[in-house]
């Protein structure tokens, strides 16, 4: 991948490539010809680079009476973090807070220690939204160049950066077509290109692989990994855990506006294995309910079964992966007609669709 160039020079002049402050080592020594002021700047840069790239501190956001995110604390450093959760879990609100599109009602969101709402913080962030918002009459190249100019680069620099970003997403050969004629996958690539053009430290990617074909997904995975190796922080939102597993094993799971779990998949699964959860099961035939309750009690992960007046049963169990495998075996072996299965607590809601096979 070609190098995406240095930070914006709002003074209106082009300049040669130079190393980003992020790439400097944490231990800073004074160069032979450097002044005390230069040395002080290097120390300040090193101290700032030691701060988390993205930090949420007890952040809450409301939309009237509806809670978008609720007391979220999250710290991200260089690397790739997946963000998963069902519709309405709070993922989009979290990403908009990270990119400075929303301000928290409570708490603080910062990028490298800078308030995410500030212009200085926004300059460090690249955002690839889920929704399309294009000037459809533009070509792909014109659009990326225009976004780069709006960032503050002079024309020649914007053209150069746009070309590098388009090449990074494999769109250089298709960038002269008008956006209105692009496929979903091509539009995704253009959105990613504009997010990369100013070489941000933090990349916020909302469903970036939606509409991308299998070959394109492999290309995106390789690109994201290269960016992470360069010291960038990527937060990638997706509905599908299986998709994120190919990219990273570090995920944050959202449920009802909260971070339900964060860590590697192995750590989360180990944590959840010992956490009891409840499910409601309804059978089409009353005799099936009694047969199921009796058979379920023999399973090692079941802590209890309660018969409900409404015609169902409530099961308390641990180790969801093993339990649901054994539960399915009981249903098939006894030839039971299960009409409804519903989780009753947040822990199960947060994991059923994602940790137990990657989809609802």
Protein backbone atom coordinates (compact mmCIF):
# COMPACT_ATOMS: atom_id res chain seq x y z
CA UNK A 1 0.00 0.00 0.00
CA UNK A 2 1.41 3.42 -0.81
CA UNK A 3 2.14 5.65 2.14
CA UNK A 4 -0.65 8.06 2.94
CA UNK A 5 1.03 11.38 3.38
CA UNK A 6 1.75 13.61 6.36
CA UNK A 7 -0.59 15.90 8.26
CA UNK A 8 -2.42 18.79 6.65
CA UNK A 9 -0.43 21.95 5.97
CA UNK A 10 -3.05 24.63 6.34
CA UNK A 11 -0.47 27.25 5.48
CA UNK A 12 -1.14 26.51 1.81
CA UNK A 13 2.24 25.13 0.73
CA UNK A 14 3.34 21.63 -0.26
CA UNK A 15 6.15 19.96 1.60
CA UNK A 16 8.17 16.76 1.51
CA UNK A 17 7.05 13.69 3.37
CA UNK A 18 8.11 13.46 6.98
CA UNK A 19 7.53 10.99 9.80
CA UNK A 20 4.30 11.33 11.72
CA UNK A 21 4.70 12.15 15.44
CA UNK A 22 3.02 8.82 16.17
CA UNK A 23 6.00 6.95 14.75
CA UNK A 24 8.52 8.58 17.10
CA UNK A 25 9.81 6.37 19.91
CA UNK A 26 8.44 6.96 23.37
CA UNK A 27 11.94 7.60 24.76
CA UNK A 28 13.00 10.93 23.30
CA UNK A 29 16.58 12.18 23.17
CA UNK A 30 17.75 15.61 22.12
CA UNK A 31 19.26 15.81 18.64
CA UNK A 32 22.70 17.48 18.48
CA UNK A 33 21.41 20.61 16.75
CA UNK A 34 17.98 20.81 18.40
CA UNK A 35 17.00 23.74 20.60
CA UNK A 36 15.55 23.43 24.12
CA UNK A 37 12.20 24.45 22.65
CA UNK A 38 12.40 21.61 20.11
CA UNK A 39 13.32 19.21 22.88
CA UNK A 40 10.34 20.38 24.95
CA UNK A 41 8.02 19.85 21.96
CA UNK A 42 9.33 16.31 21.46
CA UNK A 43 8.70 15.54 25.14
CA UNK A 44 5.17 16.95 24.88
CA UNK A 45 4.53 14.90 21.73
CA UNK A 46 5.79 11.74 23.43
CA UNK A 47 3.59 12.36 26.47
CA UNK A 48 0.55 12.92 24.28
CA UNK A 49 1.27 9.79 22.24
CA UNK A 50 1.29 7.78 25.48
CA UNK A 51 -2.36 8.70 26.05
CA UNK A 52 -5.13 6.42 24.77
CA UNK A 53 -6.11 7.13 21.20
CA UNK A 54 -9.76 6.96 22.23
CA UNK A 55 -11.07 7.25 25.77
CA UNK A 56 -14.67 7.18 27.05
CA UNK A 57 -15.03 8.08 30.73
CA UNK A 58 -18.46 7.30 32.23
CA UNK A 59 -20.19 8.60 29.09
CA UNK A 60 -23.97 8.81 28.79
CA UNK A 61 -26.07 10.20 25.94
CA UNK A 62 -29.87 10.61 25.84
CA UNK A 63 -32.31 11.26 23.01
CA UNK A 64 -35.10 12.75 25.07
CA UNK A 65 -36.32 9.88 27.30
CA UNK A 66 -34.36 7.28 25.30
CA UNK A 67 -30.85 6.29 26.43
CA UNK A 68 -28.35 6.01 23.57
CA UNK A 69 -25.32 5.01 25.66
CA UNK A 70 -25.29 4.55 29.42
CA UNK A 71 -22.20 5.09 31.61
CA UNK A 72 -19.75 3.74 29.03
CA UNK A 73 -16.07 3.54 29.95
CA UNK A 74 -13.79 2.42 27.14
CA UNK A 75 -10.08 2.82 26.37
CA UNK A 76 -8.57 2.02 22.96
CA UNK A 77 -4.93 2.08 21.88
CA UNK A 78 -3.26 1.15 18.54
CA UNK A 79 -4.69 -1.99 16.99
CA UNK A 80 -8.09 -3.21 15.81
CA UNK A 81 -11.15 -3.47 18.05
CA UNK A 82 -14.41 -4.94 16.82
CA UNK A 83 -17.70 -3.47 18.04
CA UNK A 84 -20.71 -5.78 17.93
CA UNK A 85 -24.29 -5.49 19.11
CA UNK A 86 -27.85 -5.79 17.88
CA UNK A 87 -29.80 -2.93 16.29
CA UNK A 88 -30.52 -0.35 18.98
CA UNK A 89 -27.66 -1.51 21.20
CA UNK A 90 -25.95 1.90 21.01
CA UNK A 91 -23.17 1.23 18.48
CA UNK A 92 -23.98 4.17 16.18
CA UNK A 93 -24.27 6.59 19.11
CA UNK A 94 -20.91 5.37 20.43
CA UNK A 95 -19.25 5.94 17.03
CA UNK A 96 -20.78 9.41 16.65
CA UNK A 97 -19.50 10.36 20.08
CA UNK A 98 -16.03 9.07 19.14
CA UNK A 99 -15.98 11.17 15.96
CA UNK A 100 -17.24 14.33 17.64
CA UNK A 101 -20.60 14.37 15.85
CA UNK A 102 -22.39 14.19 19.21
CA UNK A 103 -21.50 15.61 22.59
CA UNK A 104 -22.09 13.46 25.69
CA UNK A 105 -24.68 14.54 28.23
CA UNK A 106 -22.48 13.11 30.97
CA UNK A 107 -18.83 12.08 31.01
CA UNK A 108 -15.94 12.83 28.69
CA UNK A 109 -14.84 11.51 25.26
CA UNK A 110 -11.25 12.29 24.25
CA UNK A 111 -8.86 11.53 21.39
CA UNK A 112 -5.22 11.58 22.52
CA UNK A 113 -6.35 13.47 25.59
CA UNK A 114 -8.21 16.11 23.55
CA UNK A 115 -11.98 16.65 23.79
CA UNK A 116 -13.49 14.71 20.86
CA UNK A 117 -15.81 17.64 20.09
CA UNK A 118 -12.83 19.95 19.34
CA UNK A 119 -11.46 20.63 15.86
CA UNK A 120 -8.01 19.42 16.92
CA UNK A 121 -9.39 16.02 17.90
CA UNK A 122 -11.48 15.70 14.72
CA UNK A 123 -8.33 16.21 12.62
CA UNK A 124 -6.96 12.98 14.10
CA UNK A 125 -10.01 10.91 13.17
CA UNK A 126 -11.05 9.24 9.91
CA UNK A 127 -14.70 8.23 9.67
CA UNK A 128 -16.30 5.75 7.27
CA UNK A 129 -20.06 5.92 7.93
CA UNK A 130 -22.57 3.17 7.25
CA UNK A 131 -24.98 5.50 5.42
CA UNK A 132 -24.12 7.00 2.02
CA UNK A 133 -23.95 10.80 1.70
CA UNK A 134 -22.39 11.52 -1.70
CA UNK A 135 -22.48 14.25 -4.31
CA UNK A 136 -23.74 11.80 -6.93
CA UNK A 137 -22.67 13.91 -9.95
CA UNK A 138 -19.02 13.77 -8.89
CA UNK A 139 -16.62 11.06 -9.90
CA UNK A 140 -15.09 8.98 -7.14
CA UNK A 141 -11.78 10.83 -7.52
CA UNK A 142 -13.45 14.25 -7.43
CA UNK A 143 -15.31 13.31 -4.26
CA UNK A 144 -12.20 12.13 -2.38
CA UNK A 145 -10.24 15.18 -3.57
CA UNK A 146 -13.06 17.49 -2.44
CA UNK A 147 -13.17 15.90 1.02
CA UNK A 148 -9.39 16.24 1.28
CA UNK A 149 -9.56 19.91 0.26
CA UNK A 150 -12.23 20.50 2.90
CA UNK A 151 -9.80 19.08 5.43
CA UNK A 152 -7.47 21.98 4.63
CA UNK A 153 -4.93 20.71 2.11
CA UNK A 154 -3.87 22.79 -0.91
CA UNK A 155 -4.96 21.46 -4.30
CA UNK A 156 -1.74 19.67 -5.28
CA UNK A 157 -1.47 17.96 -1.90
CA UNK A 158 -5.15 16.97 -1.97
CA UNK A 159 -4.77 15.43 -5.43
CA UNK A 160 -1.73 13.45 -4.31
CA UNK A 161 -3.36 12.20 -1.12
CA UNK A 162 -6.60 11.30 -2.87
CA UNK A 163 -4.65 9.25 -5.41
CA UNK A 164 -2.79 7.38 -2.66
CA UNK A 165 -6.03 6.67 -0.78
CA UNK A 166 -7.80 5.46 -3.93
CA UNK A 167 -4.92 3.14 -4.71
CA UNK A 168 -5.01 1.80 -1.14
CA UNK A 169 -8.65 0.73 -1.60
CA UNK A 170 -8.09 -0.53 -5.17
CA UNK A 171 -10.20 2.17 -6.84
CA UNK A 172 -7.62 4.04 -8.93
CA UNK A 173 -8.76 2.35 -12.14
CA UNK A 174 -12.45 3.04 -11.46
CA UNK A 175 -12.25 6.48 -9.88
CA UNK A 176 -13.27 8.43 -13.02
CA UNK A 177 -16.81 7.03 -13.06
CA UNK A 178 -19.62 9.06 -11.53
CA UNK A 179 -20.75 8.04 -8.08
CA UNK A 180 -24.36 7.53 -9.13
CA UNK A 181 -23.23 4.55 -11.23
CA UNK A 182 -21.23 2.84 -8.48
CA UNK A 183 -22.19 -0.48 -6.93
CA UNK A 184 -22.60 -0.80 -3.15
CA UNK A 185 -19.11 -2.26 -2.82
CA UNK A 186 -17.51 0.54 -4.86
CA UNK A 187 -19.28 3.15 -2.77
CA UNK A 188 -17.91 1.50 0.37
CA UNK A 189 -14.39 1.73 -1.06
CA UNK A 190 -14.80 5.44 -1.83
CA UNK A 191 -16.05 6.12 1.70
CA UNK A 192 -13.02 4.32 3.08
CA UNK A 193 -10.69 6.26 0.77
CA UNK A 194 -11.93 9.64 2.02
CA UNK A 195 -11.46 8.43 5.61
CA UNK A 196 -7.84 7.47 4.89
CA UNK A 197 -6.74 10.47 2.81
CA UNK A 198 -5.56 12.65 5.71
CA UNK A 199 -3.69 9.76 7.39
CA UNK A 200 -5.61 9.79 10.71
CA UNK A 201 -4.43 8.13 13.91
CA UNK A 202 -7.94 6.87 14.72
CA UNK A 203 -10.18 5.19 12.14
CA UNK A 204 -13.85 4.73 12.98
CA UNK A 205 -15.45 2.29 10.52
CA UNK A 206 -19.19 1.61 10.64
CA UNK A 207 -20.06 -1.62 8.79
CA UNK A 208 -17.16 -1.08 6.33
CA UNK A 209 -17.56 -4.49 4.65
CA UNK A 210 -21.26 -4.18 3.92
CA UNK A 211 -21.78 -4.91 0.22
CA UNK A 212 -18.18 -6.00 -0.32
CA UNK A 213 -17.64 -9.27 -2.20
CA UNK A 214 -15.52 -12.07 -0.65
CA UNK A 215 -12.35 -11.06 -2.51
CA UNK A 216 -12.86 -7.45 -1.47
CA UNK A 217 -13.32 -8.49 2.14
CA UNK A 218 -9.97 -10.24 2.10
CA UNK A 219 -8.41 -7.08 0.68
CA UNK A 220 -10.03 -4.94 3.37
CA UNK A 221 -8.84 -7.30 6.13
CA UNK A 222 -5.28 -7.08 4.80
CA UNK A 223 -5.51 -3.28 4.55
CA UNK A 224 -6.86 -2.90 8.09
CA UNK A 225 -4.11 -5.11 9.47
CA UNK A 226 -1.45 -3.04 7.70
CA UNK A 227 -2.91 0.14 9.14
CA UNK A 228 -2.87 -1.39 12.64
CA UNK A 229 0.77 -2.39 12.15
CA UNK A 230 1.53 1.27 11.38
CA UNK A 231 0.34 2.19 14.88
CA UNK A 232 -3.17 3.30 14.03
CA UNK A 233 -6.25 2.53 16.11
CA UNK A 234 -9.24 1.06 14.26
CA UNK A 235 -12.69 0.53 15.72
CA UNK A 236 -14.76 -1.59 13.35
CA UNK A 237 -18.52 -1.93 13.89
CA UNK A 238 -20.30 -4.99 12.55
CA UNK A 239 -23.41 -7.10 13.14
CA UNK A 240 -21.45 -10.29 12.45
CA UNK A 241 -18.92 -11.66 14.89
CA UNK A 242 -17.67 -14.19 12.34
CA UNK A 243 -16.67 -11.30 10.08
CA UNK A 244 -14.74 -9.62 12.89
CA UNK A 245 -13.08 -12.87 13.93
CA UNK A 246 -11.20 -12.86 10.62
CA UNK A 247 -9.94 -9.37 11.40
CA UNK A 248 -9.27 -9.32 15.16
CA UNK A 249 -9.93 -11.29 18.32
CA UNK A 250 -10.39 -8.13 20.41
CA UNK A 251 -14.04 -7.12 20.58
CA UNK A 252 -16.39 -4.91 22.57
CA UNK A 253 -19.98 -6.17 22.87
CA UNK A 254 -22.77 -3.60 23.36
CA UNK A 255 -26.21 -4.29 24.78
CA UNK A 256 -28.83 -1.67 25.70
CA UNK A 257 -26.39 1.22 25.62
CA UNK A 258 -23.71 -0.42 27.74
CA UNK A 259 -20.46 -2.25 27.08
CA UNK A 260 -21.50 -5.75 28.12
CA UNK A 261 -18.03 -7.22 27.63
CA UNK A 262 -14.67 -6.29 26.13
CA UNK A 263 -11.54 -8.33 25.51
CA UNK A 264 -10.46 -11.23 23.36
CA UNK A 265 -13.13 -13.68 22.29
CA UNK A 266 -11.53 -16.37 24.44
CA UNK A 267 -11.64 -14.13 27.52
CA UNK A 268 -15.26 -13.15 26.93
CA UNK A 269 -16.41 -16.70 26.35
CA UNK A 270 -14.58 -17.88 29.48
CA UNK A 271 -16.20 -15.09 31.50
CA UNK A 272 -19.68 -15.81 30.17
CA UNK A 273 -19.37 -19.56 30.64
CA UNK A 274 -19.66 -19.09 34.40
CA UNK A 275 -22.35 -16.39 34.24
CA UNK A 276 -25.87 -17.79 34.75
CA UNK A 277 -28.56 -16.74 32.28
CA UNK A 278 -32.28 -17.35 31.85
CA UNK A 279 -34.29 -18.39 28.82
CA UNK A 280 -38.02 -18.84 28.31
CA UNK A 281 -39.16 -21.84 26.25
CA UNK A 282 -42.72 -22.44 25.01
CA UNK A 283 -43.86 -25.72 23.49
CA UNK A 284 -46.83 -26.18 21.17
CA UNK A 285 -48.08 -29.18 23.21
CA UNK A 286 -48.40 -29.18 27.01
CA UNK A 287 -47.04 -32.74 27.27
CA UNK A 288 -43.92 -31.59 25.41
CA UNK A 289 -43.38 -28.97 28.11
CA UNK A 290 -43.29 -31.57 30.86
CA UNK A 291 -41.05 -33.87 28.80
CA UNK A 292 -38.63 -31.02 28.07
CA UNK A 293 -38.48 -29.90 31.73
CA UNK A 294 -37.68 -33.41 32.90
CA UNK A 295 -34.98 -33.97 30.26
CA UNK A 296 -33.42 -30.52 30.74
CA UNK A 297 -32.91 -31.10 34.48
CA UNK A 298 -30.47 -33.89 33.66
CA UNK A 299 -28.14 -31.54 31.76
CA UNK A 300 -25.00 -30.59 33.78
CA UNK A 301 -25.23 -26.84 32.96
CA UNK A 302 -28.84 -26.40 34.11
CA UNK A 303 -29.22 -24.79 37.54
CA UNK A 304 -33.01 -24.90 37.67
CA UNK A 305 -36.29 -25.14 35.77
CA UNK A 306 -39.50 -23.27 36.63
CA UNK A 307 -42.92 -24.03 35.15
CA UNK A 308 -44.79 -20.90 34.04
CA UNK A 309 -48.58 -20.43 34.19
CA UNK A 310 -48.46 -19.02 30.64
CA UNK A 311 -47.59 -22.46 29.33
CA UNK A 312 -43.81 -22.23 29.10
CA UNK A 313 -40.79 -22.97 31.24
CA UNK A 314 -37.93 -20.77 32.46
CA UNK A 315 -34.50 -22.40 32.45
CA UNK A 316 -31.51 -21.11 34.45
CA UNK A 317 -28.25 -22.34 32.99
CA UNK A 318 -24.52 -21.70 32.61
CA UNK A 319 -22.04 -22.20 29.76
CA UNK A 320 -24.30 -21.04 26.89
CA UNK A 321 -22.32 -22.66 24.07
CA UNK A 322 -22.47 -26.12 25.63
CA UNK A 323 -26.02 -25.71 26.95
CA UNK A 324 -27.58 -24.76 23.62
CA UNK A 325 -25.82 -27.63 21.88
CA UNK A 326 -27.20 -30.07 24.46
CA UNK A 327 -30.62 -28.35 24.43
CA UNK A 328 -30.87 -28.86 20.66
CA UNK A 329 -29.97 -32.52 21.16
CA UNK A 330 -32.79 -32.99 23.68
CA UNK A 331 -35.35 -31.33 21.40
CA UNK A 332 -34.36 -33.56 18.46
CA UNK A 333 -34.12 -36.75 20.50
CA UNK A 334 -37.54 -36.26 22.15
CA UNK A 335 -39.09 -34.89 18.92
CA UNK A 336 -40.45 -31.83 20.74
CA UNK A 337 -42.35 -28.98 19.07
CA UNK A 338 -40.68 -25.83 20.46
CA UNK A 339 -42.72 -22.79 19.44
CA UNK A 340 -40.75 -20.01 21.13
CA UNK A 341 -37.33 -19.47 22.72
CA UNK A 342 -36.48 -16.11 24.29
CA UNK A 343 -33.62 -14.85 26.43
CA UNK A 344 -34.64 -13.02 29.61
CA UNK A 345 -31.53 -11.10 30.68
CA UNK A 346 -28.96 -8.74 29.18
CA UNK A 347 -26.03 -11.13 29.44
CA UNK A 348 -27.72 -13.68 27.22
CA UNK A 349 -29.10 -11.02 24.87
CA UNK A 350 -25.61 -9.70 24.38
CA UNK A 351 -24.11 -13.04 23.44
CA UNK A 352 -26.73 -15.27 21.84
CA UNK A 353 -26.63 -13.67 18.41
CA UNK A 354 -22.89 -13.16 18.32
CA UNK A 355 -20.94 -15.59 20.47
CA UNK A 356 -23.05 -18.63 19.66
CA UNK A 357 -22.19 -18.95 16.01
CA UNK A 358 -22.01 -15.41 14.63
CA UNK A 359 -25.69 -14.69 13.79
CA UNK A 360 -29.15 -14.62 15.25
